[in-house]
């Protein structure tokens, strides 16, 4: 009997693998077709950078949701909840609350005051070349940090789909993702990226809702039964449902949680790929409304991540999740397979394929947005306004942006190949910390402080950027722990895995101190003009 069973099982597995890969390829091909279509509508720099400012508040809200609900949200958070319970859910809270800062302090005045990038706002009343240089460098560094998380998610996801193991195949997958993301940006620009993000947001919400319904149905629509089963299978008992499993072990872990919370709440308002989305709508009112839409959509999504995470803990189990990916990044796809009938079943394979394809589309949409934001900053801020000093054409600027997308993609691929062991949500939290440190203090000071000066902006950007990156390099994320980037060595001296508690207050302090010690006279008339534009939209592009 066994001699017949083994070949039959192998044949069934091969058939389901073919189904998975076919469905997966259809999703990717469809999004690439949309990108090509949108690319044909791109005529000038405004189209390439800001989608012609032609999107409605609802469309931009969907696109913001698609940009924000990344591999960290879908894969990383589900994995974190499945492995550490309540403490993993804390990521969801931080990511959602962050939108209040973006809505109340940044969205409308930024849309009114800028044209294509964050640096447009900073350079309005400060010395243009040094500020644009600093803002451009910051944008690229933050984007690369965020890109790493998406690369890690892609490597884990496609390795699961193809049934491959080991670092070699994951690194090859990371390279392929990088190539596709460069195609998205160079062909489609902001129009192509926005349409992909909108469609991806709808697919992601629909897929998450389907899995949530199936999970709750398994437990007779009783959340208490779901949580109880998750706690029982976790091996941690009631501790799984209480704070402290990861962040309450000792004083260092408690401080680390505070640092994480600060980074998550303040980071969104400094993320370059989110900030550029405010320029794709025709008015500041539409920018504000698009954030309202995004909050509603993202809030609903994060509520469903509770069912995904605890469902994975109850129905898949930590052992199987970590066997597939040590950081838990494959928890959501494995849960989809489990609620569809389990490994080897037709519906299990279909759901695994659909959810994985949606997650991969998520990754592609987010990396496209990040690559576009960083390449636009290089072309518009560094090339056109610093290197060429404004002596350039829109056509050459867009060409430089496309070349920059290729270069940034290459850097992200090279770094992503060595970050495959890290949790995607944890990597994104680092990007949030760098964004909150390098960008947010300068944006807020520039918009709301009449006496702010160029030296303050430079000290704030470079101080926040350098301090956060240096602390990450010498933290347990890079060395000194089994899950570190370089697990075989130990040169860490900073005990926290997130630098936000140090680097964010330091950046605010440096912005204040740099301004205080500067002999530059602030341009009062320019600030008055900026204030009027920020509040009313008069003169805005």
Protein backbone atom coordinates (compact mmCIF):
# COMPACT_ATOMS: atom_id res chain seq x y z
CA UNK A 1 0.00 0.00 0.00
CA UNK A 2 2.77 2.41 0.89
CA UNK A 3 4.44 2.09 -2.50
CA UNK A 4 1.28 3.48 -4.12
CA UNK A 5 0.53 6.10 -1.46
CA UNK A 6 3.83 7.93 -1.71
CA UNK A 7 3.70 8.57 -5.48
CA UNK A 8 0.04 9.61 -5.21
CA UNK A 9 0.86 12.06 -2.43
CA UNK A 10 3.76 13.46 -4.46
CA UNK A 11 1.51 13.85 -7.51
CA UNK A 12 -1.14 15.66 -5.44
CA UNK A 13 1.46 18.00 -3.99
CA UNK A 14 2.80 18.75 -7.48
CA UNK A 15 -0.72 19.44 -8.78
CA UNK A 16 -1.48 21.85 -5.93
CA UNK A 17 1.90 23.55 -6.36
CA UNK A 18 1.06 24.13 -10.03
CA UNK A 19 -2.32 25.61 -9.04
CA UNK A 20 -0.65 27.90 -6.51
CA UNK A 21 1.98 29.16 -8.96
CA UNK A 22 -0.63 29.69 -11.73
CA UNK A 23 -2.94 31.79 -9.54
CA UNK A 24 0.05 33.66 -8.20
CA UNK A 25 1.32 34.46 -11.72
CA UNK A 26 -2.13 35.74 -12.80
CA UNK A 27 -2.16 38.30 -9.98
CA UNK A 28 1.34 39.55 -10.75
CA UNK A 29 0.70 39.71 -14.53
CA UNK A 30 -2.52 41.69 -13.98
CA UNK A 31 -0.78 44.33 -11.86
CA UNK A 32 2.04 44.65 -14.39
CA UNK A 33 -0.54 45.14 -17.18
CA UNK A 34 -2.14 47.96 -15.17
CA UNK A 35 1.29 49.54 -14.73
CA UNK A 36 1.95 49.47 -18.49
CA UNK A 37 -1.49 51.02 -19.17
CA UNK A 38 -0.91 53.79 -16.63
CA UNK A 39 2.57 54.42 -17.97
CA UNK A 40 1.09 55.39 -21.31
CA UNK A 41 -0.90 58.13 -19.56
CA UNK A 42 2.23 59.66 -18.01
CA UNK A 43 3.18 62.76 -20.00
CA UNK A 44 5.22 65.06 -17.72
CA UNK A 45 6.87 65.40 -14.29
CA UNK A 46 3.56 66.15 -12.55
CA UNK A 47 2.15 62.90 -13.93
CA UNK A 48 5.26 60.92 -12.96
CA UNK A 49 5.68 62.35 -9.45
CA UNK A 50 2.10 63.16 -8.45
CA UNK A 51 -0.18 61.27 -10.86
CA UNK A 52 -1.28 64.55 -12.43
CA UNK A 53 -2.99 65.44 -9.09
CA UNK A 54 -6.00 63.74 -10.60
CA UNK A 55 -7.07 61.30 -7.87
CA UNK A 56 -10.12 61.82 -5.66
CA UNK A 57 -10.03 61.73 -1.86
CA UNK A 58 -11.48 58.22 -1.79
CA UNK A 59 -9.08 56.95 -4.45
CA UNK A 60 -6.12 58.47 -2.62
CA UNK A 61 -7.39 57.07 0.69
CA UNK A 62 -7.45 53.61 -0.87
CA UNK A 63 -3.97 54.15 -2.31
CA UNK A 64 -2.63 55.38 1.05
CA UNK A 65 -4.10 52.26 2.64
CA UNK A 66 -2.44 50.15 -0.04
CA UNK A 67 0.86 51.92 0.56
CA UNK A 68 0.60 51.57 4.34
CA UNK A 69 -0.76 48.03 4.72
CA UNK A 70 2.53 46.49 3.80
CA UNK A 71 4.22 43.14 4.30
CA UNK A 72 4.77 44.22 7.89
CA UNK A 73 1.04 44.66 8.44
CA UNK A 74 -0.16 41.51 6.74
CA UNK A 75 2.72 39.12 7.31
CA UNK A 76 4.79 40.60 10.14
CA UNK A 77 2.00 41.52 12.56
CA UNK A 78 0.11 38.27 12.02
CA UNK A 79 3.36 36.41 12.73
CA UNK A 80 4.17 38.52 15.79
CA UNK A 81 0.70 37.91 17.31
CA UNK A 82 0.90 34.19 16.51
CA UNK A 83 4.25 33.88 18.30
CA UNK A 84 4.01 36.33 21.24
CA UNK A 85 0.28 37.02 21.54
CA UNK A 86 -0.76 40.32 23.09
CA UNK A 87 2.66 41.94 22.67
CA UNK A 88 2.48 41.29 18.93
CA UNK A 89 -0.89 43.04 18.76
CA UNK A 90 0.75 46.21 20.14
CA UNK A 91 2.23 46.79 16.67
CA UNK A 92 -1.30 47.14 15.26
CA UNK A 93 -2.23 49.77 17.82
CA UNK A 94 0.88 51.85 17.14
CA UNK A 95 0.51 51.72 13.36
CA UNK A 96 -3.14 52.87 13.57
CA UNK A 97 -2.78 55.64 16.18
CA UNK A 98 0.04 57.13 14.09
CA UNK A 99 -2.52 58.37 11.56
CA UNK A 100 -3.90 60.89 14.02
CA UNK A 101 -0.55 62.69 13.99
CA UNK A 102 -0.51 62.66 10.18
CA UNK A 103 -4.12 63.89 9.98
CA UNK A 104 -3.96 66.66 12.58
CA UNK A 105 -0.48 68.06 12.00
CA UNK A 106 0.86 67.20 8.55
CA UNK A 107 -1.56 66.22 5.75
CA UNK A 108 -3.28 69.51 4.88
CA UNK A 109 -0.43 72.01 5.42
CA UNK A 110 2.03 69.76 3.59
CA UNK A 111 -0.26 69.46 0.56
CA UNK A 112 -0.76 73.23 0.50
CA UNK A 113 2.93 74.10 0.91
CA UNK A 114 4.78 71.66 -1.34
CA UNK A 115 4.86 70.47 -4.93
CA UNK A 116 6.37 66.99 -5.23
CA UNK A 117 8.51 66.18 -2.16
CA UNK A 118 8.99 66.95 1.52
CA UNK A 119 11.98 69.15 0.65
CA UNK A 120 9.72 71.54 -1.29
CA UNK A 121 8.19 72.59 2.03
CA UNK A 122 11.50 72.87 3.90
CA UNK A 123 13.21 74.81 1.12
CA UNK A 124 10.41 77.38 0.85
CA UNK A 125 11.78 79.64 3.60
CA UNK A 126 15.18 78.07 4.37
CA UNK A 127 18.38 77.97 2.28
CA UNK A 128 17.47 75.69 -0.58
CA UNK A 129 20.58 73.69 -1.46
CA UNK A 130 21.70 72.46 1.98
CA UNK A 131 18.14 71.70 3.07
CA UNK A 132 17.27 69.83 -0.14
CA UNK A 133 20.50 67.83 0.14
CA UNK A 134 19.71 66.80 3.71
CA UNK A 135 16.06 65.99 2.94
CA UNK A 136 17.02 63.99 -0.16
CA UNK A 137 19.56 61.88 1.73
CA UNK A 138 17.09 61.29 4.56
CA UNK A 139 14.32 60.24 2.18
CA UNK A 140 16.55 57.69 0.45
CA UNK A 141 17.85 56.17 3.71
CA UNK A 142 14.37 55.86 5.25
CA UNK A 143 13.01 54.32 2.05
CA UNK A 144 15.79 51.73 1.94
CA UNK A 145 15.10 50.72 5.56
CA UNK A 146 11.42 50.25 4.71
CA UNK A 147 12.26 48.41 1.50
CA UNK A 148 14.21 45.83 3.52
CA UNK A 149 11.05 44.78 5.33
CA UNK A 150 9.19 44.23 2.07
CA UNK A 151 12.07 42.21 0.64
CA UNK A 152 12.12 39.98 3.71
CA UNK A 153 8.37 39.40 3.45
CA UNK A 154 8.67 38.56 -0.25
CA UNK A 155 11.47 36.08 0.35
CA UNK A 156 9.54 34.24 3.06
CA UNK A 157 6.30 34.25 1.07
CA UNK A 158 7.57 32.97 -2.25
CA UNK A 159 9.80 30.39 -0.56
CA UNK A 160 6.67 28.99 1.11
CA UNK A 161 4.81 28.95 -2.21
CA UNK A 162 7.56 27.20 -4.11
CA UNK A 163 8.39 24.84 -1.27
CA UNK A 164 12.04 25.87 -1.18
CA UNK A 165 14.22 26.23 1.90
CA UNK A 166 17.56 27.81 2.69
CA UNK A 167 18.99 31.30 2.34
CA UNK A 168 20.06 30.88 -1.31
CA UNK A 169 16.57 30.59 -2.84
CA UNK A 170 15.25 33.40 -0.61
CA UNK A 171 18.00 35.70 -1.81
CA UNK A 172 17.21 34.90 -5.43
CA UNK A 173 13.54 35.73 -4.75
CA UNK A 174 14.55 39.05 -3.17
CA UNK A 175 16.48 39.89 -6.36
CA UNK A 176 13.47 39.06 -8.56
CA UNK A 177 11.18 41.24 -6.40
CA UNK A 178 13.65 44.10 -6.80
CA UNK A 179 13.59 43.78 -10.56
CA UNK A 180 9.78 43.83 -10.67
CA UNK A 181 9.56 46.86 -8.39
CA UNK A 182 11.93 48.81 -10.64
CA UNK A 183 9.68 47.96 -13.61
CA UNK A 184 6.64 49.28 -11.72
CA UNK A 185 8.27 52.65 -11.11
CA UNK A 186 10.09 53.20 -14.38
CA UNK A 187 7.10 52.19 -16.51
CA UNK A 188 4.10 53.39 -14.51
CA UNK A 189 5.30 56.32 -12.38
CA UNK A 190 2.88 57.61 -9.75
CA UNK A 191 -0.23 56.85 -11.84
CA UNK A 192 0.67 53.19 -12.27
CA UNK A 193 1.77 52.88 -8.65
CA UNK A 194 -1.44 54.49 -7.37
CA UNK A 195 -3.75 52.23 -9.39
CA UNK A 196 -1.86 49.15 -8.25
CA UNK A 197 -2.08 50.35 -4.64
CA UNK A 198 -5.84 50.93 -4.91
CA UNK A 199 -6.53 47.51 -6.40
CA UNK A 200 -4.18 45.87 -3.93
CA UNK A 201 -5.93 47.55 -0.99
CA UNK A 202 -9.31 46.17 -2.12
CA UNK A 203 -7.84 42.70 -2.62
CA UNK A 204 -6.06 42.76 0.73
CA UNK A 205 -9.15 43.83 2.66
CA UNK A 206 -11.26 41.23 0.83
CA UNK A 207 -8.72 38.46 1.44
CA UNK A 208 -8.27 39.37 5.09
CA UNK A 209 -12.04 39.55 5.60
CA UNK A 210 -12.48 36.10 4.03
CA UNK A 211 -9.87 34.51 6.28
CA UNK A 212 -11.28 36.32 9.33
CA UNK A 213 -14.78 34.95 8.58
CA UNK A 214 -13.45 31.41 8.10
CA UNK A 215 -11.42 31.60 11.33
CA UNK A 216 -14.36 32.86 13.40
CA UNK A 217 -16.59 30.24 11.82
CA UNK A 218 -14.16 27.55 13.04
CA UNK A 219 -14.83 28.75 16.59
CA UNK A 220 -18.61 29.23 16.21
CA UNK A 221 -18.21 33.02 16.05
CA UNK A 222 -16.99 33.07 19.63
CA UNK A 223 -13.83 35.24 19.98
CA UNK A 224 -13.33 33.93 23.51
CA UNK A 225 -13.03 30.37 22.20
CA UNK A 226 -10.53 31.56 19.59
CA UNK A 227 -8.37 33.31 22.19
CA UNK A 228 -8.59 30.35 24.55
CA UNK A 229 -7.51 27.90 21.85
CA UNK A 230 -4.64 30.19 20.85
CA UNK A 231 -3.44 30.44 24.46
CA UNK A 232 -3.68 26.67 24.96
CA UNK A 233 -1.72 25.82 21.80
CA UNK A 234 0.91 28.51 22.41
CA UNK A 235 2.27 26.65 25.43
CA UNK A 236 2.26 29.94 27.38
CA UNK A 237 -1.25 29.65 28.82
CA UNK A 238 -2.87 32.87 29.99
CA UNK A 239 0.44 34.77 29.62
CA UNK A 240 -0.11 34.62 25.85
CA UNK A 241 -3.12 36.92 26.21
CA UNK A 242 -1.49 39.33 28.66
CA UNK A 243 1.09 42.11 28.22
CA UNK A 244 4.70 41.25 28.90
CA UNK A 245 5.54 38.04 27.04
CA UNK A 246 8.10 39.91 24.90
CA UNK A 247 8.22 43.42 26.35
CA UNK A 248 7.83 42.70 30.06
CA UNK A 249 10.67 40.27 30.65
CA UNK A 250 13.01 42.85 32.21
CA UNK A 251 13.58 46.60 32.44
CA UNK A 252 15.35 46.72 29.08
CA UNK A 253 12.43 45.08 27.28
CA UNK A 254 9.97 47.49 28.92
CA UNK A 255 12.01 50.49 27.78
CA UNK A 256 12.25 48.87 24.36
CA UNK A 257 8.46 48.79 24.15
CA UNK A 258 8.21 52.49 25.01
CA UNK A 259 10.79 53.19 22.30
CA UNK A 260 8.82 51.07 19.83
CA UNK A 261 5.58 52.86 20.68
CA UNK A 262 7.11 56.32 20.19
CA UNK A 263 8.57 55.27 16.83
CA UNK A 264 5.31 53.76 15.58
CA UNK A 265 3.10 56.69 16.61
CA UNK A 266 5.39 59.42 15.25
CA UNK A 267 6.90 57.58 12.29
CA UNK A 268 4.00 57.66 9.83
CA UNK A 269 4.02 61.45 9.54
CA UNK A 270 7.67 61.28 8.44
CA UNK A 271 7.50 58.42 5.93
CA UNK A 272 8.45 59.74 2.46
CA UNK A 273 6.20 57.36 0.49
CA UNK A 274 3.20 58.44 2.61
CA UNK A 275 4.03 62.16 2.42
CA UNK A 276 4.18 62.17 -1.39
CA UNK A 277 0.67 60.71 -1.53
CA UNK A 278 -0.72 64.04 -0.27
CA UNK A 279 0.43 65.65 -3.55
CA UNK A 280 -1.65 63.33 -5.78
CA UNK A 281 -4.98 65.03 -4.95
CA UNK A 282 -6.12 68.41 -6.35
CA UNK A 283 -6.70 70.22 -3.03
CA UNK A 284 -5.73 70.20 0.64
CA UNK A 285 -9.33 69.40 1.56
CA UNK A 286 -9.06 66.25 -0.53
CA UNK A 287 -5.75 65.42 1.20
CA UNK A 288 -7.45 65.64 4.60
CA UNK A 289 -10.43 63.57 3.43
CA UNK A 290 -8.12 60.95 1.96
CA UNK A 291 -6.50 60.52 5.37
CA UNK A 292 -9.97 60.08 6.91
CA UNK A 293 -10.72 57.33 4.39
CA UNK A 294 -7.33 55.74 5.07
CA UNK A 295 -7.93 55.71 8.84
CA UNK A 296 -11.25 53.90 8.38
CA UNK A 297 -9.87 51.32 5.96
CA UNK A 298 -6.65 50.72 7.89
CA UNK A 299 -8.54 50.55 11.21
CA UNK A 300 -10.82 47.81 9.88
CA UNK A 301 -7.80 45.93 8.58
CA UNK A 302 -5.91 46.04 11.87
CA UNK A 303 -8.96 44.77 13.74
CA UNK A 304 -8.90 41.74 11.46
CA UNK A 305 -5.20 41.12 12.12
CA UNK A 306 -6.28 40.02 15.61
CA UNK A 307 -8.19 37.12 14.06
CA UNK A 308 -5.29 36.37 11.71
CA UNK A 309 -2.66 36.28 14.43
CA UNK A 310 -4.58 34.41 17.11
CA UNK A 311 -6.14 32.19 14.44
CA UNK A 312 -2.68 31.19 13.25
CA UNK A 313 -1.63 30.49 16.84
CA UNK A 314 -4.70 28.28 17.40
CA UNK A 315 -4.98 26.47 14.05
CA UNK A 316 -1.38 26.33 12.79
CA UNK A 317 0.76 26.54 15.90
CA UNK A 318 4.06 28.23 16.64
CA UNK A 319 6.12 25.13 15.81
CA UNK A 320 4.88 24.88 12.22
CA UNK A 321 5.07 28.64 11.70
CA UNK A 322 8.69 28.91 12.90
CA UNK A 323 9.64 25.79 10.92
CA UNK A 324 8.51 27.65 7.78
CA UNK A 325 9.99 31.01 8.80
CA UNK A 326 11.75 31.67 12.12
CA UNK A 327 10.35 35.19 12.44
CA UNK A 328 6.74 34.15 11.77
CA UNK A 329 6.35 35.98 8.44
CA UNK A 330 4.41 33.06 6.88
CA UNK A 331 1.73 32.80 9.60
CA UNK A 332 -1.05 34.39 7.51
CA UNK A 333 -0.58 32.22 4.38
CA UNK A 334 -0.30 29.06 6.52
CA UNK A 335 -3.54 30.07 8.29
CA UNK A 336 -5.26 30.48 4.90
CA UNK A 337 -4.17 26.97 3.99
CA UNK A 338 -5.39 25.60 7.35
CA UNK A 339 -8.91 27.12 7.17
CA UNK A 340 -9.22 25.94 3.56
CA UNK A 341 -8.82 22.30 4.54
CA UNK A 342 -5.14 21.92 5.37
CA UNK A 343 -2.01 20.98 3.47
CA UNK A 344 -2.69 18.90 0.37
CA UNK A 345 -6.35 19.89 0.06
CA UNK A 346 -7.61 21.69 -3.05
CA UNK A 347 -9.31 24.56 -1.20
CA UNK A 348 -6.35 24.84 1.14
CA UNK A 349 -4.07 25.26 -1.87
CA UNK A 350 -6.45 27.76 -3.51
CA UNK A 351 -6.66 29.93 -0.39
CA UNK A 352 -2.91 29.71 0.15
CA UNK A 353 -2.37 30.83 -3.45
CA UNK A 354 -4.91 33.67 -3.29
CA UNK A 355 -3.71 35.06 0.04
CA UNK A 356 -0.06 34.71 -0.95
CA UNK A 357 -0.70 36.43 -4.27
CA UNK A 358 -2.50 39.28 -2.49
CA UNK A 359 0.38 39.55 -0.01
CA UNK A 360 2.87 39.60 -2.88
CA UNK A 361 0.86 42.28 -4.68
CA UNK A 362 0.97 44.16 -1.36
CA UNK A 363 4.73 43.93 -1.31
CA UNK A 364 5.09 45.01 -4.93
CA UNK A 365 2.77 48.01 -4.45
CA UNK A 366 4.60 49.18 -1.33
CA UNK A 367 8.10 48.76 -2.76
CA UNK A 368 6.97 50.64 -5.87
CA UNK A 369 5.73 53.51 -3.69
CA UNK A 370 8.95 53.57 -1.69
CA UNK A 371 11.18 53.41 -4.75
CA UNK A 372 9.17 56.18 -6.42
CA UNK A 373 9.42 58.45 -3.35
CA UNK A 374 13.18 58.01 -3.02
CA UNK A 375 13.95 58.26 -6.75
CA UNK A 376 11.73 61.37 -7.03
CA UNK A 377 13.59 62.97 -4.13
CA UNK A 378 16.93 62.22 -5.76
CA UNK A 379 15.86 63.59 -9.16
CA UNK A 380 13.80 66.58 -7.98
CA UNK A 381 15.78 67.64 -4.89
CA UNK A 382 19.37 66.49 -5.40
CA UNK A 383 19.74 66.43 -9.18
CA UNK A 384 17.48 69.25 -10.41
CA UNK A 385 17.81 71.74 -7.55
CA UNK A 386 21.21 71.02 -5.94
CA UNK A 387 23.47 69.57 -8.65
CA UNK A 388 21.92 71.34 -11.66
CA UNK A 389 20.73 74.38 -9.64
CA UNK A 390 17.40 74.45 -11.47
CA UNK A 391 18.96 74.33 -14.95
CA UNK A 392 17.20 71.22 -16.18
CA UNK A 393 14.08 70.13 -18.01
CA UNK A 394 11.16 68.04 -16.77
CA UNK A 395 12.01 65.33 -19.30
CA UNK A 396 15.61 64.97 -18.10
CA UNK A 397 14.46 65.09 -14.46
CA UNK A 398 12.07 62.18 -15.02
CA UNK A 399 14.83 60.26 -16.84
CA UNK A 400 17.14 60.75 -13.85
CA UNK A 401 14.35 59.59 -11.52
CA UNK A 402 14.06 56.35 -13.49
CA UNK A 403 17.81 55.77 -13.32
CA UNK A 404 17.73 56.49 -9.59
CA UNK A 405 14.97 53.90 -9.19
CA UNK A 406 17.28 51.28 -10.71
CA UNK A 407 20.16 52.25 -8.40
CA UNK A 408 17.99 52.33 -5.26
CA UNK A 409 16.46 49.00 -6.25
CA UNK A 410 19.96 47.50 -6.54
CA UNK A 411 20.92 48.74 -3.05
CA UNK A 412 17.67 47.39 -1.55
CA UNK A 413 18.26 44.00 -3.22
CA UNK A 414 21.84 43.79 -1.90
CA UNK A 415 20.81 44.61 1.67
CA UNK A 416 17.58 42.57 1.54
CA UNK A 417 19.49 39.40 0.69
CA UNK A 418 21.09 39.47 4.15
CA UNK A 419 18.01 40.43 6.20
CA UNK A 420 15.88 37.35 5.52
CA UNK A 421 16.00 36.15 9.15
CA UNK A 422 14.34 39.26 10.59
CA UNK A 423 10.63 39.83 11.29
CA UNK A 424 9.07 42.21 8.73
CA UNK A 425 7.12 44.17 11.36
CA UNK A 426 10.27 44.72 13.43
CA UNK A 427 12.13 45.98 10.36
CA UNK A 428 9.35 48.43 9.54
CA UNK A 429 9.41 49.67 13.13
CA UNK A 430 13.07 50.57 12.56
CA UNK A 431 12.12 52.49 9.41
CA UNK A 432 9.47 54.34 11.43
CA UNK A 433 12.10 55.27 14.04
CA UNK A 434 14.47 56.63 11.39
CA UNK A 435 11.62 58.56 9.69
CA UNK A 436 10.38 60.03 12.97
CA UNK A 437 13.93 61.03 13.91
CA UNK A 438 15.15 62.48 10.62
CA UNK A 439 12.01 63.95 9.04
CA UNK A 440 9.19 64.71 11.46
CA UNK A 441 10.93 67.27 13.75
CA UNK A 442 12.09 69.33 10.76
CA UNK A 443 8.66 69.20 9.08
CA UNK A 444 6.86 70.35 12.25
CA UNK A 445 9.40 73.07 13.04
CA UNK A 446 9.26 74.37 9.47
CA UNK A 447 5.46 74.48 9.39
CA UNK A 448 4.81 75.82 12.90
CA UNK A 449 7.90 77.65 14.25
CA UNK A 450 8.32 81.19 12.98
CA UNK A 451 11.95 81.47 14.11
CA UNK A 452 13.17 78.16 12.66
CA UNK A 453 16.45 78.46 10.73
CA UNK A 454 18.43 76.47 8.19
CA UNK A 455 21.06 75.33 10.70
CA UNK A 456 18.29 73.94 12.92
CA UNK A 457 16.90 71.99 9.98
CA UNK A 458 20.31 70.54 9.11
CA UNK A 459 21.13 69.61 12.71
CA UNK A 460 17.72 68.02 13.14
CA UNK A 461 17.79 65.97 9.90
CA UNK A 462 21.40 64.83 10.07
CA UNK A 463 21.37 64.41 13.84
CA UNK A 464 18.20 62.33 13.81
CA UNK A 465 19.31 60.31 10.79
CA UNK A 466 22.84 59.57 11.99
CA UNK A 467 21.87 58.83 15.60
CA UNK A 468 19.06 56.45 14.65
CA UNK A 469 21.10 54.58 12.03
CA UNK A 470 24.18 54.30 14.28
CA UNK A 471 22.09 53.01 17.19
CA UNK A 472 20.48 50.42 14.89
CA UNK A 473 23.91 49.29 13.64
CA UNK A 474 25.13 48.75 17.20
CA UNK A 475 21.89 47.17 18.45
CA UNK A 476 20.84 43.50 18.83
CA UNK A 477 19.10 43.82 15.44
CA UNK A 478 22.47 43.70 13.64
CA UNK A 479 24.63 41.57 15.96
CA UNK A 480 24.70 39.80 19.31
CA UNK A 481 21.56 37.67 19.10
CA UNK A 482 20.49 34.49 17.24
CA UNK A 483 17.95 36.51 15.18
CA UNK A 484 20.42 39.29 14.30
CA UNK A 485 21.46 40.28 10.81
CA UNK A 486 24.96 38.95 11.57
CA UNK A 487 24.22 36.28 14.15
CA UNK A 488 27.75 34.89 14.22
CA UNK A 489 29.33 38.02 15.68
CA UNK A 490 28.68 40.51 18.49
CA UNK A 491 29.62 44.18 18.35
CA UNK A 492 26.43 45.65 19.83
CA UNK A 493 26.52 48.04 22.78
CA UNK A 494 23.08 49.67 22.47
CA UNK A 495 20.65 47.36 24.33
CA UNK A 496 17.36 48.33 22.59
CA UNK A 497 16.11 46.92 19.29
CA UNK A 498 14.43 50.25 18.44
CA UNK A 499 16.31 53.57 18.82
CA UNK A 500 13.24 55.87 18.86
CA UNK A 501 13.34 56.74 22.57
CA UNK A 502 16.81 58.26 22.11
CA UNK A 503 16.98 59.47 18.49
CA UNK A 504 13.57 61.18 18.22
CA UNK A 505 13.91 63.52 21.27
CA UNK A 506 17.53 64.13 20.24
CA UNK A 507 16.44 65.28 16.76
CA UNK A 508 13.86 67.69 18.23
CA UNK A 509 16.50 69.04 20.64
CA UNK A 510 19.10 69.46 17.90
CA UNK A 511 16.61 71.36 15.72
CA UNK A 512 15.94 73.76 18.58
CA UNK A 513 19.63 74.10 19.55
CA UNK A 514 20.81 74.58 15.96
CA UNK A 515 18.30 77.36 15.46
CA UNK A 516 19.23 78.99 18.76
CA UNK A 517 22.96 79.03 17.94
CA UNK A 518 22.54 80.18 14.32
CA UNK A 519 23.36 83.75 13.34
CA UNK A 520 21.00 83.58 10.36
CA UNK A 521 18.08 86.00 10.35
CA UNK A 522 14.78 84.17 9.69
CA UNK A 523 12.76 85.48 6.75
CA UNK A 524 9.58 86.72 8.47
CA UNK A 525 7.84 87.50 5.19
CA UNK A 526 8.51 84.03 3.81
CA UNK A 527 7.11 82.45 6.96
CA UNK A 528 3.95 84.58 6.68
CA UNK A 529 3.54 83.44 3.08
CA UNK A 530 4.11 79.82 4.07
CA UNK A 531 1.60 80.15 6.90
CA UNK A 532 -1.07 81.53 4.57
CA UNK A 533 -0.42 78.81 2.01
CA UNK A 534 -0.42 76.06 4.65
CA UNK A 535 -3.72 77.21 6.15
CA UNK A 536 -5.62 78.35 3.08
CA UNK A 537 -3.99 76.73 0.04
CA UNK A 538 -3.52 80.11 -1.64
CA UNK A 539 -0.74 79.77 -4.22
CA UNK A 540 -0.49 76.02 -3.83
CA UNK A 541 0.30 73.94 -6.93
